[in-house]
N, C-alpha and C. Protein backbone atom coordinates (compact mmCIF):
# COMPACT_ATOMS: atom_id res chain seq x y z
N MET A 1 -13.34 15.90 28.16
CA MET A 1 -14.35 14.88 28.28
C MET A 1 -14.31 14.28 29.69
N SER A 2 -15.50 14.04 30.25
CA SER A 2 -15.62 13.54 31.62
C SER A 2 -15.39 12.04 31.68
N ASN A 3 -14.87 11.60 32.82
CA ASN A 3 -14.72 10.17 33.06
C ASN A 3 -15.92 9.60 33.82
N GLN A 4 -16.95 10.44 34.01
CA GLN A 4 -18.13 10.00 34.74
C GLN A 4 -18.84 8.90 33.94
N PRO A 5 -19.28 7.85 34.63
CA PRO A 5 -19.99 6.77 33.94
C PRO A 5 -21.27 7.27 33.29
N THR A 6 -21.66 6.64 32.22
CA THR A 6 -22.91 7.00 31.54
C THR A 6 -24.10 6.40 32.30
N PRO A 7 -25.30 6.95 32.07
CA PRO A 7 -26.49 6.36 32.70
C PRO A 7 -26.66 4.88 32.37
N ILE A 8 -26.33 4.50 31.17
CA ILE A 8 -26.46 3.09 30.77
C ILE A 8 -25.50 2.22 31.58
N GLU A 9 -24.26 2.69 31.75
CA GLU A 9 -23.30 1.94 32.55
C GLU A 9 -23.78 1.78 33.99
N ILE A 10 -24.31 2.86 34.55
CA ILE A 10 -24.78 2.81 35.93
C ILE A 10 -26.00 1.90 36.06
N GLN A 11 -26.95 2.01 35.16
CA GLN A 11 -28.16 1.19 35.25
C GLN A 11 -27.86 -0.29 35.09
N LYS A 12 -26.79 -0.61 34.41
CA LYS A 12 -26.38 -2.02 34.28
C LYS A 12 -26.19 -2.65 35.66
N TYR A 13 -25.67 -1.86 36.61
CA TYR A 13 -25.40 -2.36 37.95
C TYR A 13 -26.57 -2.15 38.92
N LEU A 14 -27.65 -1.54 38.41
CA LEU A 14 -28.84 -1.34 39.24
C LEU A 14 -30.01 -2.15 38.70
N SER A 15 -29.74 -3.10 37.83
CA SER A 15 -30.81 -3.83 37.15
C SER A 15 -31.72 -4.61 38.08
N GLY A 16 -31.25 -5.02 39.25
CA GLY A 16 -32.07 -5.81 40.15
C GLY A 16 -32.81 -5.00 41.20
N ILE A 17 -32.70 -3.68 41.14
CA ILE A 17 -33.25 -2.84 42.21
C ILE A 17 -34.76 -2.64 42.04
N ASP A 18 -35.45 -2.52 43.16
CA ASP A 18 -36.87 -2.20 43.16
C ASP A 18 -37.02 -0.73 43.54
N TYR A 19 -37.62 0.04 42.64
CA TYR A 19 -37.86 1.46 42.91
C TYR A 19 -39.24 1.61 43.54
N PRO A 20 -39.46 2.63 44.37
CA PRO A 20 -38.49 3.65 44.77
C PRO A 20 -37.38 3.09 45.64
N ALA A 21 -36.22 3.74 45.54
CA ALA A 21 -35.04 3.27 46.27
C ALA A 21 -34.24 4.47 46.77
N GLY A 22 -33.67 4.31 47.96
CA GLY A 22 -32.82 5.35 48.54
C GLY A 22 -31.37 5.19 48.10
N LYS A 23 -30.59 6.18 48.45
CA LYS A 23 -29.17 6.18 48.09
C LYS A 23 -28.45 4.94 48.59
N GLU A 24 -28.69 4.55 49.85
CA GLU A 24 -28.01 3.37 50.40
C GLU A 24 -28.39 2.11 49.64
N GLN A 25 -29.64 2.02 49.22
CA GLN A 25 -30.08 0.85 48.44
C GLN A 25 -29.41 0.84 47.06
N LEU A 26 -29.28 2.02 46.46
CA LEU A 26 -28.58 2.11 45.17
C LEU A 26 -27.16 1.59 45.31
N LEU A 27 -26.47 2.07 46.34
CA LEU A 27 -25.08 1.66 46.56
C LEU A 27 -24.98 0.17 46.85
N ALA A 28 -25.85 -0.34 47.71
CA ALA A 28 -25.81 -1.76 48.06
C ALA A 28 -26.06 -2.64 46.85
N THR A 29 -27.02 -2.25 46.02
CA THR A 29 -27.33 -3.03 44.82
C THR A 29 -26.15 -3.01 43.86
N ALA A 30 -25.57 -1.85 43.65
CA ALA A 30 -24.43 -1.74 42.74
C ALA A 30 -23.26 -2.59 43.24
N GLU A 31 -23.02 -2.55 44.54
CA GLU A 31 -21.94 -3.36 45.11
C GLU A 31 -22.22 -4.85 44.90
N ASP A 32 -23.45 -5.26 45.16
CA ASP A 32 -23.83 -6.67 44.98
C ASP A 32 -23.68 -7.13 43.54
N GLU A 33 -23.86 -6.19 42.60
CA GLU A 33 -23.76 -6.51 41.17
C GLU A 33 -22.32 -6.41 40.66
N GLY A 34 -21.38 -6.08 41.55
CA GLY A 34 -19.97 -6.03 41.16
C GLY A 34 -19.56 -4.76 40.45
N ALA A 35 -20.22 -3.66 40.77
CA ALA A 35 -19.90 -2.39 40.11
C ALA A 35 -18.46 -1.96 40.42
N PRO A 36 -17.78 -1.41 39.41
CA PRO A 36 -16.42 -0.91 39.64
C PRO A 36 -16.43 0.37 40.47
N GLU A 37 -15.27 0.76 40.93
CA GLU A 37 -15.13 1.92 41.81
C GLU A 37 -15.74 3.19 41.21
N GLY A 38 -15.58 3.41 39.93
CA GLY A 38 -16.12 4.62 39.29
C GLY A 38 -17.63 4.73 39.40
N ILE A 39 -18.31 3.60 39.27
CA ILE A 39 -19.78 3.57 39.40
C ILE A 39 -20.16 3.86 40.85
N LEU A 40 -19.48 3.20 41.79
CA LEU A 40 -19.78 3.41 43.21
C LEU A 40 -19.50 4.85 43.63
N ASN A 41 -18.43 5.43 43.12
CA ASN A 41 -18.12 6.82 43.45
C ASN A 41 -19.19 7.77 42.92
N ALA A 42 -19.68 7.51 41.72
CA ALA A 42 -20.73 8.34 41.14
C ALA A 42 -22.01 8.25 41.98
N LEU A 43 -22.36 7.04 42.39
CA LEU A 43 -23.57 6.87 43.21
C LEU A 43 -23.39 7.47 44.61
N GLN A 44 -22.18 7.43 45.13
CA GLN A 44 -21.91 8.02 46.44
C GLN A 44 -22.15 9.52 46.41
N ALA A 45 -21.99 10.13 45.24
CA ALA A 45 -22.10 11.59 45.11
C ALA A 45 -23.55 12.07 44.98
N VAL A 46 -24.51 11.19 44.78
CA VAL A 46 -25.89 11.64 44.60
C VAL A 46 -26.48 12.05 45.95
N PRO A 47 -27.46 12.96 45.94
CA PRO A 47 -28.11 13.35 47.20
C PRO A 47 -28.78 12.16 47.88
N ASP A 48 -28.80 12.20 49.20
CA ASP A 48 -29.39 11.13 50.00
C ASP A 48 -30.90 11.34 50.06
N ARG A 49 -31.59 10.76 49.10
CA ARG A 49 -33.05 10.86 49.03
C ARG A 49 -33.59 9.62 48.35
N GLU A 50 -34.90 9.56 48.19
CA GLU A 50 -35.53 8.42 47.52
C GLU A 50 -35.65 8.73 46.02
N TYR A 51 -35.33 7.74 45.19
CA TYR A 51 -35.39 7.88 43.74
C TYR A 51 -36.52 7.03 43.21
N SER A 52 -37.34 7.63 42.34
CA SER A 52 -38.53 6.96 41.83
C SER A 52 -38.24 5.96 40.72
N GLY A 53 -37.10 6.12 40.06
CA GLY A 53 -36.75 5.21 38.97
C GLY A 53 -35.42 5.57 38.36
N PRO A 54 -35.04 4.85 37.30
CA PRO A 54 -33.74 5.09 36.66
C PRO A 54 -33.54 6.52 36.18
N SER A 55 -34.59 7.14 35.66
CA SER A 55 -34.43 8.51 35.16
C SER A 55 -34.12 9.49 36.30
N ALA A 56 -34.69 9.25 37.48
CA ALA A 56 -34.40 10.11 38.63
C ALA A 56 -32.95 9.96 39.07
N VAL A 57 -32.42 8.75 38.99
CA VAL A 57 -31.01 8.52 39.31
C VAL A 57 -30.13 9.25 38.29
N SER A 58 -30.46 9.13 37.02
CA SER A 58 -29.68 9.81 35.98
C SER A 58 -29.70 11.32 36.17
N GLU A 59 -30.86 11.87 36.51
CA GLU A 59 -30.96 13.31 36.75
C GLU A 59 -30.08 13.73 37.92
N ALA A 60 -30.08 12.95 38.99
CA ALA A 60 -29.26 13.26 40.16
C ALA A 60 -27.77 13.22 39.83
N LEU A 61 -27.41 12.38 38.88
CA LEU A 61 -26.01 12.27 38.45
C LEU A 61 -25.63 13.35 37.45
N GLY A 62 -26.60 14.17 37.07
CA GLY A 62 -26.35 15.23 36.10
C GLY A 62 -26.39 14.76 34.67
N ASN A 63 -26.98 13.59 34.44
CA ASN A 63 -27.05 13.02 33.10
C ASN A 63 -28.47 13.02 32.54
N GLY A 64 -29.39 13.58 33.29
CA GLY A 64 -30.80 13.46 32.91
C GLY A 64 -31.25 14.45 31.90
């Protein structure tokens, strides 16, 4: 079983973000929301592109 955070866990820390959003904005928002290291590491691993919404982030994380 993977230790990767679930999409729900990740979206909890992205609740204040305005989409579309780039990778740096995802990371900055998660940091501002107090995301733990595991969430930040997962977001660091996504491709550097613009995401249209939560489902696009989940797909990039391999959870979509």
